[in-house]
Amino acid sequence: MKKFKYYLIISYFFLIIFATQSSNASVNSQLLSSQIENFFKNLSTLEADFIQVSPSGNVSNGKIYLDLPGKLRIDYKKPNNLLITSKGFWIVIQDRQSQTTNNIPVKSSPFSILLENKLIFKNENYKTEYGLSSGIITLKIKSQKKDRQENLIIEFSEKPLSLKKWIISDSFGEKTTVLIQNAKYNDNLSHLLFFPIDFPEPGD
């Protein structure tokens, strides 16, 4: 189950950001909202390094690749040895150390909105707040449901507009931070990146 936690932390970000209601609090908020919405609408590919810091302070890192619609690769470096890939129909979660594979239908995963390239900024279940300070755009997303206390903070550099990090707070107030580094947008990516590992059959 610990391995799946890494998957859920990354996927939670994409689930929320692609199903969020825009804020209309002020002209400034509308401008920032438009910038962020256009950023995701124009996103076709992404290649970036990430560093994930858990509530306990444990650090894991790796690379993330997106080729929309449909393709995903999240590659954790050692000692996690976790690889997550998708070519459009299945999310494939693999543990290199144990050489095990789990398949989850994309339709049943939080990645479905992202991988189908359905950007939705009209969702009454979430409220957003935008801020700008010292060249950093901050987007705060909170659940409107009383039984869900999760929230998400996303930071972008303003010029050029680029994703920098997100912070996820769960129902218990524990925070997980994901830092994005060396991001490249809308470059051509090899289709081979999105194939899972072909582990040998047991007994081979």
N, C-alpha and C. Protein backbone atom coordinates (compact mmCIF):
# COMPACT_ATOMS: atom_id res chain seq x y z
N MET A 1 0.82 -1.20 0.00
CA MET A 1 0.00 0.00 0.00
C MET A 1 0.86 1.27 0.00
N LYS A 2 2.04 1.17 0.58
CA LYS A 2 2.92 2.34 0.61
C LYS A 2 3.28 2.80 -0.79
N LYS A 3 3.49 1.82 -1.69
CA LYS A 3 3.84 2.19 -3.05
C LYS A 3 2.71 2.98 -3.71
N PHE A 4 1.47 2.58 -3.46
CA PHE A 4 0.35 3.25 -4.07
C PHE A 4 0.19 4.67 -3.55
N LYS A 5 0.72 4.95 -2.36
CA LYS A 5 0.61 6.29 -1.79
C LYS A 5 1.36 7.29 -2.66
N TYR A 6 2.52 6.90 -3.20
CA TYR A 6 3.26 7.78 -4.07
C TYR A 6 2.42 8.13 -5.29
N TYR A 7 1.75 7.14 -5.85
CA TYR A 7 0.91 7.32 -7.02
C TYR A 7 -0.21 8.30 -6.72
N LEU A 8 -0.86 8.15 -5.58
CA LEU A 8 -2.00 8.98 -5.24
C LEU A 8 -1.61 10.43 -5.00
N ILE A 9 -0.43 10.67 -4.42
CA ILE A 9 0.01 12.04 -4.17
C ILE A 9 0.16 12.80 -5.48
N ILE A 10 0.80 12.20 -6.47
CA ILE A 10 0.97 12.87 -7.75
C ILE A 10 -0.38 13.02 -8.45
N SER A 11 -1.18 11.96 -8.44
CA SER A 11 -2.44 11.98 -9.17
C SER A 11 -3.44 12.95 -8.56
N TYR A 12 -3.39 13.15 -7.25
CA TYR A 12 -4.31 14.06 -6.59
C TYR A 12 -4.17 15.46 -7.17
N PHE A 13 -2.94 15.87 -7.44
CA PHE A 13 -2.72 17.19 -8.04
C PHE A 13 -3.45 17.31 -9.37
N PHE A 14 -3.28 16.31 -10.23
CA PHE A 14 -3.89 16.40 -11.54
C PHE A 14 -5.41 16.30 -11.48
N LEU A 15 -5.91 15.51 -10.56
CA LEU A 15 -7.35 15.40 -10.39
C LEU A 15 -7.95 16.75 -10.04
N ILE A 16 -7.36 17.46 -9.09
CA ILE A 16 -7.91 18.71 -8.63
C ILE A 16 -7.74 19.82 -9.67
N ILE A 17 -6.55 19.96 -10.22
CA ILE A 17 -6.30 21.09 -11.11
C ILE A 17 -7.11 20.98 -12.39
N PHE A 18 -7.47 19.78 -12.79
CA PHE A 18 -8.25 19.63 -14.01
C PHE A 18 -9.74 19.50 -13.73
N ALA A 19 -10.17 19.87 -12.51
CA ALA A 19 -11.59 19.84 -12.19
C ALA A 19 -11.93 20.95 -11.21
N THR A 20 -11.49 22.16 -11.52
CA THR A 20 -11.55 23.25 -10.56
C THR A 20 -12.41 24.41 -11.06
N GLN A 21 -13.02 25.06 -10.12
CA GLN A 21 -13.85 26.22 -10.41
C GLN A 21 -13.02 27.49 -10.37
N SER A 22 -13.15 28.32 -11.38
CA SER A 22 -12.41 29.58 -11.41
C SER A 22 -12.98 30.56 -10.41
N SER A 23 -12.10 31.39 -9.86
CA SER A 23 -12.51 32.41 -8.91
C SER A 23 -12.87 33.69 -9.63
N ASN A 24 -13.87 34.42 -9.14
CA ASN A 24 -14.27 35.69 -9.72
C ASN A 24 -14.20 36.80 -8.67
N ALA A 25 -13.28 36.69 -7.73
CA ALA A 25 -13.24 37.61 -6.60
C ALA A 25 -12.85 39.01 -7.02
N SER A 26 -11.99 39.17 -8.04
CA SER A 26 -11.53 40.48 -8.42
C SER A 26 -11.00 40.43 -9.84
N VAL A 27 -10.74 41.63 -10.40
CA VAL A 27 -10.17 41.70 -11.74
C VAL A 27 -8.81 41.02 -11.75
N ASN A 28 -8.00 41.23 -10.71
CA ASN A 28 -6.69 40.61 -10.63
C ASN A 28 -6.82 39.09 -10.61
N SER A 29 -7.76 38.58 -9.83
CA SER A 29 -7.98 37.14 -9.77
C SER A 29 -8.41 36.59 -11.12
N GLN A 30 -9.26 37.34 -11.82
CA GLN A 30 -9.71 36.90 -13.14
C GLN A 30 -8.55 36.82 -14.11
N LEU A 31 -7.65 37.79 -14.04
CA LEU A 31 -6.49 37.79 -14.92
C LEU A 31 -5.58 36.60 -14.62
N LEU A 32 -5.31 36.38 -13.34
CA LEU A 32 -4.46 35.25 -12.96
C LEU A 32 -5.13 33.93 -13.32
N SER A 33 -6.46 33.85 -13.10
CA SER A 33 -7.21 32.65 -13.44
C SER A 33 -7.10 32.35 -14.93
N SER A 34 -7.22 33.40 -15.75
CA SER A 34 -7.13 33.22 -17.20
C SER A 34 -5.75 32.73 -17.61
N GLN A 35 -4.70 33.26 -16.97
CA GLN A 35 -3.34 32.84 -17.27
C GLN A 35 -3.13 31.35 -16.96
N ILE A 36 -3.61 30.93 -15.78
CA ILE A 36 -3.42 29.54 -15.37
C ILE A 36 -4.25 28.61 -16.23
N GLU A 37 -5.49 29.00 -16.52
CA GLU A 37 -6.34 28.15 -17.35
C GLU A 37 -5.73 27.97 -18.74
N ASN A 38 -5.22 29.05 -19.32
CA ASN A 38 -4.58 28.97 -20.63
C ASN A 38 -3.33 28.11 -20.59
N PHE A 39 -2.61 28.18 -19.47
CA PHE A 39 -1.41 27.37 -19.31
C PHE A 39 -1.75 25.89 -19.48
N PHE A 40 -2.80 25.42 -18.78
CA PHE A 40 -3.16 24.02 -18.86
C PHE A 40 -3.85 23.66 -20.17
N LYS A 41 -4.60 24.60 -20.75
CA LYS A 41 -5.24 24.34 -22.03
C LYS A 41 -4.21 24.13 -23.13
N ASN A 42 -3.09 24.87 -23.04
CA ASN A 42 -2.06 24.81 -24.07
C ASN A 42 -1.00 23.75 -23.79
N LEU A 43 -1.14 23.02 -22.69
CA LEU A 43 -0.16 22.00 -22.33
C LEU A 43 -0.37 20.76 -23.17
N SER A 44 0.62 20.41 -23.99
CA SER A 44 0.55 19.17 -24.77
C SER A 44 1.54 18.14 -24.27
N THR A 45 2.76 18.58 -23.93
CA THR A 45 3.74 17.66 -23.33
C THR A 45 4.45 18.36 -22.18
N LEU A 46 4.93 17.55 -21.26
CA LEU A 46 5.71 18.04 -20.11
C LEU A 46 6.79 17.02 -19.79
N GLU A 47 7.99 17.51 -19.58
CA GLU A 47 9.09 16.69 -19.06
C GLU A 47 9.72 17.48 -17.93
N ALA A 48 9.81 16.87 -16.74
CA ALA A 48 10.34 17.60 -15.59
C ALA A 48 10.89 16.65 -14.55
N ASP A 49 11.81 17.17 -13.74
CA ASP A 49 12.25 16.48 -12.53
C ASP A 49 11.32 16.86 -11.39
N PHE A 50 11.10 15.94 -10.46
CA PHE A 50 10.32 16.30 -9.29
C PHE A 50 10.98 15.78 -8.02
N ILE A 51 10.76 16.52 -6.93
CA ILE A 51 11.19 16.11 -5.60
C ILE A 51 9.96 16.10 -4.71
N GLN A 52 9.70 14.99 -4.08
CA GLN A 52 8.52 14.83 -3.23
C GLN A 52 8.95 14.71 -1.78
N VAL A 53 8.39 15.58 -0.93
CA VAL A 53 8.70 15.58 0.49
C VAL A 53 7.45 15.19 1.26
N SER A 54 7.52 14.08 1.98
CA SER A 54 6.37 13.56 2.70
C SER A 54 6.18 14.31 4.02
N PRO A 55 5.02 14.15 4.69
CA PRO A 55 4.80 14.81 5.98
C PRO A 55 5.86 14.47 7.02
N SER A 56 6.44 13.28 6.93
CA SER A 56 7.46 12.87 7.89
C SER A 56 8.85 13.38 7.52
N GLY A 57 8.96 14.03 6.35
CA GLY A 57 10.25 14.56 5.91
C GLY A 57 11.00 13.65 4.97
N ASN A 58 10.45 12.47 4.66
CA ASN A 58 11.10 11.58 3.70
C ASN A 58 11.07 12.20 2.31
N VAL A 59 12.19 12.08 1.61
CA VAL A 59 12.32 12.69 0.29
C VAL A 59 12.46 11.61 -0.77
N SER A 60 11.68 11.73 -1.84
CA SER A 60 11.82 10.87 -3.00
C SER A 60 11.83 11.76 -4.23
N ASN A 61 12.42 11.27 -5.29
CA ASN A 61 12.50 12.10 -6.49
C ASN A 61 12.46 11.25 -7.74
N GLY A 62 12.32 11.91 -8.86
CA GLY A 62 12.24 11.19 -10.13
C GLY A 62 11.92 12.14 -11.25
N LYS A 63 11.37 11.59 -12.33
CA LYS A 63 11.00 12.38 -13.50
C LYS A 63 9.55 12.09 -13.87
N ILE A 64 8.89 13.11 -14.40
CA ILE A 64 7.53 12.96 -14.88
C ILE A 64 7.47 13.39 -16.34
N TYR A 65 6.73 12.62 -17.14
CA TYR A 65 6.53 12.93 -18.54
C TYR A 65 5.03 12.85 -18.85
N LEU A 66 4.54 13.83 -19.61
CA LEU A 66 3.17 13.81 -20.11
C LEU A 66 3.19 14.03 -21.61
N ASP A 67 2.36 13.31 -22.32
CA ASP A 67 2.14 13.55 -23.74
C ASP A 67 0.64 13.41 -23.95
N LEU A 68 -0.05 14.55 -24.00
CA LEU A 68 -1.51 14.56 -24.01
C LEU A 68 -2.07 14.56 -25.43
N PRO A 69 -3.20 13.87 -25.62
CA PRO A 69 -3.92 13.12 -24.58
C PRO A 69 -3.41 11.70 -24.44
N GLY A 70 -3.45 11.18 -23.23
CA GLY A 70 -3.34 9.75 -23.02
C GLY A 70 -2.06 9.17 -22.46
N LYS A 71 -0.91 9.85 -22.60
CA LYS A 71 0.35 9.22 -22.24
C LYS A 71 0.95 9.86 -20.98
N LEU A 72 1.48 8.99 -20.12
CA LEU A 72 2.02 9.41 -18.83
C LEU A 72 3.16 8.50 -18.42
N ARG A 73 4.20 9.10 -17.81
CA ARG A 73 5.27 8.32 -17.18
C ARG A 73 5.73 9.06 -15.93
N ILE A 74 5.68 8.39 -14.79
CA ILE A 74 6.22 8.90 -13.53
C ILE A 74 7.25 7.89 -13.07
N ASP A 75 8.49 8.30 -13.06
CA ASP A 75 9.60 7.39 -12.83
C ASP A 75 10.34 7.80 -11.56
N TYR A 76 10.09 7.06 -10.47
CA TYR A 76 10.77 7.33 -9.20
C TYR A 76 12.16 6.71 -9.21
N LYS A 77 13.13 7.47 -8.73
CA LYS A 77 14.49 6.96 -8.62
C LYS A 77 14.62 6.07 -7.39
N LYS A 78 15.74 5.36 -7.32
CA LYS A 78 16.01 4.52 -6.15
C LYS A 78 16.05 5.39 -4.90
N PRO A 79 15.64 4.87 -3.74
CA PRO A 79 15.32 3.46 -3.46
C PRO A 79 13.86 3.08 -3.70
N ASN A 80 13.02 3.98 -4.25
CA ASN A 80 11.61 3.66 -4.40
C ASN A 80 11.35 2.64 -5.50
N ASN A 81 12.10 2.76 -6.61
CA ASN A 81 12.00 1.78 -7.69
C ASN A 81 10.61 1.67 -8.29
N LEU A 82 9.81 2.73 -8.18
CA LEU A 82 8.44 2.69 -8.68
C LEU A 82 8.37 3.34 -10.05
N LEU A 83 7.63 2.72 -10.97
CA LEU A 83 7.41 3.26 -12.31
C LEU A 83 5.93 3.21 -12.61
N ILE A 84 5.38 4.36 -13.04
CA ILE A 84 3.97 4.46 -13.42
C ILE A 84 3.91 4.90 -14.87
N THR A 85 3.20 4.15 -15.70
CA THR A 85 3.08 4.50 -17.11
C THR A 85 1.63 4.37 -17.57
N SER A 86 1.34 5.06 -18.65
CA SER A 86 0.03 4.91 -19.29
C SER A 86 0.17 5.26 -20.76
N LYS A 87 -0.50 4.48 -21.60
CA LYS A 87 -0.59 4.77 -23.03
C LYS A 87 -2.01 5.12 -23.43
N GLY A 88 -2.89 5.25 -22.45
CA GLY A 88 -4.22 5.71 -22.77
C GLY A 88 -5.37 4.95 -22.16
N PHE A 89 -5.21 3.64 -21.93
CA PHE A 89 -6.32 2.84 -21.41
C PHE A 89 -6.09 2.35 -19.98
N TRP A 90 -4.81 2.09 -19.64
CA TRP A 90 -4.48 1.54 -18.33
C TRP A 90 -3.41 2.38 -17.66
N ILE A 91 -3.51 2.54 -16.36
CA ILE A 91 -2.41 3.03 -15.54
C ILE A 91 -1.65 1.79 -15.06
N VAL A 92 -0.38 1.70 -15.40
CA VAL A 92 0.44 0.53 -15.05
C VAL A 92 1.42 0.95 -13.96
N ILE A 93 1.31 0.35 -12.79
CA ILE A 93 2.17 0.67 -11.65
C ILE A 93 3.09 -0.51 -11.41
N GLN A 94 4.40 -0.27 -11.51
CA GLN A 94 5.37 -1.36 -11.43
C GLN A 94 6.43 -1.08 -10.36
N ASP A 95 6.76 -2.14 -9.65
CA ASP A 95 7.83 -2.09 -8.65
C ASP A 95 9.02 -2.84 -9.23
N ARG A 96 10.09 -2.11 -9.51
CA ARG A 96 11.25 -2.75 -10.13
C ARG A 96 11.91 -3.77 -9.21
N GLN A 97 11.90 -3.49 -7.91
CA GLN A 97 12.58 -4.38 -6.97
C GLN A 97 11.88 -5.74 -6.88
N SER A 98 10.57 -5.73 -6.71
CA SER A 98 9.83 -6.98 -6.59
C SER A 98 9.37 -7.51 -7.94
N GLN A 99 9.57 -6.70 -9.00
CA GLN A 99 9.15 -7.04 -10.36
C GLN A 99 7.67 -7.42 -10.41
N THR A 100 6.86 -6.57 -9.79
CA THR A 100 5.42 -6.77 -9.79
C THR A 100 4.75 -5.64 -10.56
N THR A 101 3.57 -5.95 -11.11
CA THR A 101 2.82 -5.01 -11.92
C THR A 101 1.37 -4.99 -11.49
N ASN A 102 0.81 -3.78 -11.35
CA ASN A 102 -0.62 -3.62 -11.09
C ASN A 102 -1.20 -2.72 -12.17
N ASN A 103 -2.35 -3.12 -12.71
CA ASN A 103 -3.01 -2.36 -13.76
C ASN A 103 -4.31 -1.77 -13.23
N ILE A 104 -4.51 -0.48 -13.48
CA ILE A 104 -5.73 0.21 -13.08
C ILE A 104 -6.32 0.87 -14.33
N PRO A 105 -7.59 0.67 -14.62
CA PRO A 105 -8.19 1.37 -15.77
C PRO A 105 -8.08 2.88 -15.60
N VAL A 106 -7.69 3.56 -16.66
CA VAL A 106 -7.58 5.02 -16.60
C VAL A 106 -8.90 5.64 -16.15
N LYS A 107 -10.01 5.10 -16.61
CA LYS A 107 -11.33 5.64 -16.27
C LYS A 107 -11.58 5.59 -14.76
N SER A 108 -10.91 4.66 -14.07
CA SER A 108 -11.11 4.50 -12.63
C SER A 108 -10.07 5.23 -11.81
N SER A 109 -9.21 6.01 -12.46
CA SER A 109 -8.11 6.67 -11.77
C SER A 109 -8.28 8.18 -11.80
N PRO A 110 -7.64 8.89 -10.86
CA PRO A 110 -7.67 10.36 -10.88
C PRO A 110 -7.03 10.96 -12.12
N PHE A 111 -6.23 10.16 -12.86
CA PHE A 111 -5.57 10.68 -14.04
C PHE A 111 -6.51 10.83 -15.23
N SER A 112 -7.73 10.28 -15.14
CA SER A 112 -8.59 10.22 -16.31
C SER A 112 -8.87 11.59 -16.90
N ILE A 113 -9.12 12.60 -16.04
CA ILE A 113 -9.43 13.93 -16.54
C ILE A 113 -8.25 14.51 -17.30
N LEU A 114 -7.05 14.33 -16.75
CA LEU A 114 -5.85 14.84 -17.39
C LEU A 114 -5.56 14.12 -18.70
N LEU A 115 -5.55 12.79 -18.67
CA LEU A 115 -5.11 12.03 -19.83
C LEU A 115 -6.09 12.10 -20.98
N GLU A 116 -7.35 12.40 -20.68
CA GLU A 116 -8.32 12.61 -21.74
C GLU A 116 -8.32 14.07 -22.20
N ASN A 117 -7.44 14.87 -21.56
CA ASN A 117 -7.28 16.28 -21.91
C ASN A 117 -8.58 17.06 -21.75
N LYS A 118 -9.27 16.78 -20.65
CA LYS A 118 -10.51 17.49 -20.34
C LYS A 118 -10.23 18.50 -19.23
N LEU A 119 -9.98 19.71 -19.64
CA LEU A 119 -9.71 20.77 -18.67
C LEU A 119 -11.04 21.36 -18.21
N ILE A 120 -11.33 21.25 -16.93
CA ILE A 120 -12.61 21.71 -16.40
C ILE A 120 -12.35 22.68 -15.26
N PHE A 121 -12.62 23.96 -15.48
CA PHE A 121 -12.46 24.94 -14.43
C PHE A 121 -13.81 25.42 -13.92
N LYS A 122 -14.81 24.56 -13.99
CA LYS A 122 -16.15 24.89 -13.49
C LYS A 122 -16.63 23.72 -12.66
N ASN A 123 -16.34 23.74 -11.39
CA ASN A 123 -16.74 22.65 -10.52
C ASN A 123 -17.10 23.23 -9.16
N GLU A 124 -18.38 23.09 -8.80
CA GLU A 124 -18.85 23.69 -7.57
C GLU A 124 -18.29 23.01 -6.32
N ASN A 125 -17.60 21.87 -6.49
CA ASN A 125 -17.05 21.17 -5.34
C ASN A 125 -15.76 21.80 -4.82
N TYR A 126 -15.19 22.74 -5.59
CA TYR A 126 -13.92 23.34 -5.21
C TYR A 126 -13.98 24.86 -5.32
N LYS A 127 -13.28 25.53 -4.43
CA LYS A 127 -13.17 26.99 -4.44
C LYS A 127 -11.71 27.36 -4.63
N THR A 128 -11.46 28.39 -5.43
CA THR A 128 -10.08 28.78 -5.70
C THR A 128 -9.83 30.21 -5.26
N GLU A 129 -8.58 30.46 -4.88
CA GLU A 129 -8.11 31.80 -4.56
C GLU A 129 -6.76 31.99 -5.24
N TYR A 130 -6.57 33.17 -5.84
CA TYR A 130 -5.33 33.47 -6.54
C TYR A 130 -4.58 34.59 -5.83
N GLY A 131 -3.26 34.52 -5.89
CA GLY A 131 -2.44 35.58 -5.33
C GLY A 131 -1.17 35.76 -6.14
N LEU A 132 -0.59 36.92 -6.05
CA LEU A 132 0.66 37.23 -6.75
C LEU A 132 1.56 38.01 -5.82
N SER A 133 2.77 37.48 -5.59
CA SER A 133 3.73 38.15 -4.72
C SER A 133 5.14 37.79 -5.15
N SER A 134 5.96 38.83 -5.35
CA SER A 134 7.38 38.63 -5.69
C SER A 134 7.56 37.71 -6.89
N GLY A 135 6.69 37.84 -7.89
CA GLY A 135 6.84 37.07 -9.11
C GLY A 135 6.33 35.64 -9.02
N ILE A 136 5.68 35.29 -7.92
CA ILE A 136 5.13 33.94 -7.74
C ILE A 136 3.60 34.01 -7.71
N ILE A 137 2.96 33.29 -8.61
CA ILE A 137 1.51 33.18 -8.62
C ILE A 137 1.11 31.99 -7.76
N THR A 138 0.22 32.22 -6.82
CA THR A 138 -0.24 31.16 -5.93
C THR A 138 -1.71 30.87 -6.20
N LEU A 139 -2.02 29.61 -6.38
CA LEU A 139 -3.40 29.16 -6.55
C LEU A 139 -3.74 28.23 -5.39
N LYS A 140 -4.73 28.63 -4.58
CA LYS A 140 -5.19 27.82 -3.46
C LYS A 140 -6.53 27.20 -3.82
N ILE A 141 -6.63 25.89 -3.64
CA ILE A 141 -7.85 25.16 -3.99
C ILE A 141 -8.33 24.43 -2.75
N LYS A 142 -9.60 24.67 -2.39
CA LYS A 142 -10.17 24.04 -1.20
C LYS A 142 -11.45 23.33 -1.58
N SER A 143 -11.65 22.17 -0.96
CA SER A 143 -12.88 21.44 -1.16
C SER A 143 -14.03 22.16 -0.48
N GLN A 144 -15.18 22.20 -1.13
CA GLN A 144 -16.37 22.82 -0.57
C GLN A 144 -17.21 21.83 0.24
N LYS A 145 -16.83 20.56 0.19
CA LYS A 145 -17.59 19.55 0.91
C LYS A 145 -17.17 19.52 2.37
N LYS A 146 -18.15 19.50 3.26
CA LYS A 146 -17.88 19.54 4.69
C LYS A 146 -17.14 18.30 5.18
N ASP A 147 -17.34 17.18 4.51
CA ASP A 147 -16.71 15.95 4.95
C ASP A 147 -15.33 15.75 4.35
N ARG A 148 -14.84 16.74 3.58
CA ARG A 148 -13.51 16.64 2.98
C ARG A 148 -12.75 17.92 3.27
N GLN A 149 -11.62 17.79 3.96
CA GLN A 149 -10.84 18.95 4.37
C GLN A 149 -9.54 19.09 3.58
N GLU A 150 -9.39 18.29 2.51
CA GLU A 150 -8.16 18.38 1.73
C GLU A 150 -8.08 19.74 1.03
N ASN A 151 -6.86 20.23 0.86
CA ASN A 151 -6.68 21.43 0.05
C ASN A 151 -5.34 21.35 -0.66
N LEU A 152 -5.21 22.19 -1.65
CA LEU A 152 -4.05 22.14 -2.54
C LEU A 152 -3.58 23.56 -2.79
N ILE A 153 -2.26 23.78 -2.68
CA ILE A 153 -1.64 25.06 -3.02
C ILE A 153 -0.67 24.80 -4.16
N ILE A 154 -0.82 25.57 -5.25
CA ILE A 154 0.04 25.42 -6.41
C ILE A 154 0.76 26.73 -6.66
N GLU A 155 2.05 26.68 -6.92
CA GLU A 155 2.83 27.88 -7.18
C GLU A 155 3.42 27.84 -8.59
N PHE A 156 3.33 29.00 -9.27
CA PHE A 156 3.89 29.17 -10.61
C PHE A 156 4.83 30.38 -10.58
N SER A 157 5.88 30.31 -11.36
CA SER A 157 6.64 31.52 -11.61
C SER A 157 5.84 32.35 -12.61
N GLU A 158 5.88 33.68 -12.45
CA GLU A 158 5.05 34.54 -13.30
C GLU A 158 5.66 34.74 -14.69
N LYS A 159 6.97 35.04 -14.74
CA LYS A 159 7.61 35.33 -16.02
C LYS A 159 8.92 34.57 -16.13
N PRO A 160 8.97 33.55 -16.97
CA PRO A 160 7.85 33.01 -17.75
C PRO A 160 6.93 32.18 -16.86
N LEU A 161 5.69 31.99 -17.28
CA LEU A 161 4.74 31.20 -16.51
C LEU A 161 5.16 29.74 -16.54
N SER A 162 5.45 29.20 -15.35
CA SER A 162 5.95 27.84 -15.27
C SER A 162 5.55 27.24 -13.93
N LEU A 163 5.18 25.99 -13.94
CA LEU A 163 4.81 25.28 -12.71
C LEU A 163 6.04 25.07 -11.84
N LYS A 164 5.94 25.44 -10.55
CA LYS A 164 7.09 25.34 -9.64
C LYS A 164 6.89 24.26 -8.58
N LYS A 165 5.72 24.25 -7.93
CA LYS A 165 5.50 23.24 -6.90
C LYS A 165 4.03 23.18 -6.52
N TRP A 166 3.66 22.10 -5.83
CA TRP A 166 2.35 22.04 -5.21
C TRP A 166 2.45 21.41 -3.83
N ILE A 167 1.55 21.83 -2.96
CA ILE A 167 1.51 21.34 -1.58
C ILE A 167 0.12 20.79 -1.31
N ILE A 168 0.04 19.54 -0.93
CA ILE A 168 -1.22 18.87 -0.67
C ILE A 168 -1.37 18.69 0.83
N SER A 169 -2.49 19.17 1.38
CA SER A 169 -2.82 18.95 2.79
C SER A 169 -3.98 17.97 2.86
N ASP A 170 -3.82 16.89 3.63
CA ASP A 170 -4.89 15.90 3.71
C ASP A 170 -5.86 16.25 4.84
N SER A 171 -6.81 15.36 5.08
CA SER A 171 -7.84 15.61 6.09
C SER A 171 -7.29 15.73 7.50
N PHE A 172 -6.06 15.21 7.72
CA PHE A 172 -5.44 15.26 9.04
C PHE A 172 -4.47 16.43 9.17
N GLY A 173 -4.40 17.27 8.13
CA GLY A 173 -3.52 18.42 8.17
C GLY A 173 -2.08 18.11 7.80
N GLU A 174 -1.80 16.89 7.37
CA GLU A 174 -0.44 16.54 6.98
C GLU A 174 -0.18 17.01 5.55
N LYS A 175 1.01 17.58 5.35
CA LYS A 175 1.32 18.20 4.07
C LYS A 175 2.40 17.42 3.32
N THR A 176 2.16 17.24 2.04
CA THR A 176 3.15 16.66 1.14
C THR A 176 3.46 17.69 0.07
N THR A 177 4.75 17.96 -0.13
CA THR A 177 5.20 18.96 -1.10
C THR A 177 5.85 18.29 -2.29
N VAL A 178 5.49 18.72 -3.49
CA VAL A 178 6.13 18.23 -4.71
C VAL A 178 6.72 19.43 -5.44
N LEU A 179 8.04 19.43 -5.59
CA LEU A 179 8.77 20.50 -6.28
C LEU A 179 9.04 20.07 -7.71
N ILE A 180 8.77 20.98 -8.66
CA ILE A 180 9.02 20.71 -10.06
C ILE A 180 10.25 21.49 -10.51
N GLN A 181 11.19 20.81 -11.16
CA GLN A 181 12.42 21.45 -11.60
C GLN A 181 12.70 21.08 -13.05
N ASN A 182 13.42 21.97 -13.73
CA ASN A 182 13.89 21.71 -15.11
C ASN A 182 12.74 21.32 -16.04
N ALA A 183 11.61 22.00 -15.91
CA ALA A 183 10.44 21.67 -16.72
C ALA A 183 10.64 22.09 -18.17
N LYS A 184 10.24 21.21 -19.08
CA LYS A 184 10.22 21.51 -20.51
C LYS A 184 8.80 21.24 -21.01
N TYR A 185 8.26 22.22 -21.74
CA TYR A 185 6.88 22.13 -22.19
C TYR A 185 6.80 21.99 -23.71
N ASN A 186 5.89 21.12 -24.14
CA ASN A 186 5.48 21.01 -25.55
C ASN A 186 6.63 20.63 -26.48
N ASP A 187 7.61 19.86 -25.98
CA ASP A 187 8.64 19.27 -26.82
C ASP A 187 8.17 17.89 -27.28
N ASN A 188 8.80 17.40 -28.34
CA ASN A 188 8.48 16.04 -28.79
C ASN A 188 9.08 15.03 -27.83
N LEU A 189 8.27 14.04 -27.43
CA LEU A 189 8.73 12.97 -26.54
C LEU A 189 8.62 11.63 -27.26
N SER A 190 9.60 10.76 -27.04
CA SER A 190 9.57 9.44 -27.66
C SER A 190 8.40 8.62 -27.12
N HIS A 191 7.70 7.93 -28.01
CA HIS A 191 6.58 7.09 -27.58
C HIS A 191 7.05 5.93 -26.72
N LEU A 192 8.33 5.60 -26.81
CA LEU A 192 8.86 4.48 -26.02
C LEU A 192 8.88 4.76 -24.53
N LEU A 193 8.86 6.04 -24.15
CA LEU A 193 8.85 6.40 -22.74
C LEU A 193 7.63 5.86 -22.01
N PHE A 194 6.56 5.62 -22.72
CA PHE A 194 5.28 5.33 -22.08
C PHE A 194 4.94 3.85 -22.07
N PHE A 195 5.92 3.02 -22.47
CA PHE A 195 5.74 1.58 -22.38
C PHE A 195 6.16 1.08 -21.00
N PRO A 196 5.43 0.16 -20.41
CA PRO A 196 5.86 -0.43 -19.13
C PRO A 196 7.04 -1.36 -19.33
N ILE A 197 7.66 -1.73 -18.21
CA ILE A 197 8.76 -2.70 -18.25
C ILE A 197 8.19 -4.09 -18.53
N ASP A 198 8.86 -4.83 -19.38
CA ASP A 198 8.46 -6.21 -19.69
C ASP A 198 9.20 -7.14 -18.73
N PHE A 199 8.66 -7.33 -17.51
CA PHE A 199 9.30 -8.21 -16.55
C PHE A 199 9.24 -9.65 -17.03
N PRO A 200 10.28 -10.44 -16.71
CA PRO A 200 10.23 -11.87 -17.08
C PRO A 200 9.14 -12.60 -16.32
N GLU A 201 8.57 -13.60 -16.91
CA GLU A 201 7.56 -14.40 -16.24
C GLU A 201 8.21 -15.18 -15.08
N PRO A 202 7.47 -15.40 -13.99
CA PRO A 202 8.03 -16.20 -12.86
C PRO A 202 8.51 -17.56 -13.34
N GLY A 203 9.73 -17.90 -12.94
CA GLY A 203 10.29 -19.19 -13.33
C GLY A 203 11.18 -19.12 -14.54
N ASP A 204 11.17 -17.95 -15.25
CA ASP A 204 12.05 -17.81 -16.41
C ASP A 204 13.49 -17.61 -15.97
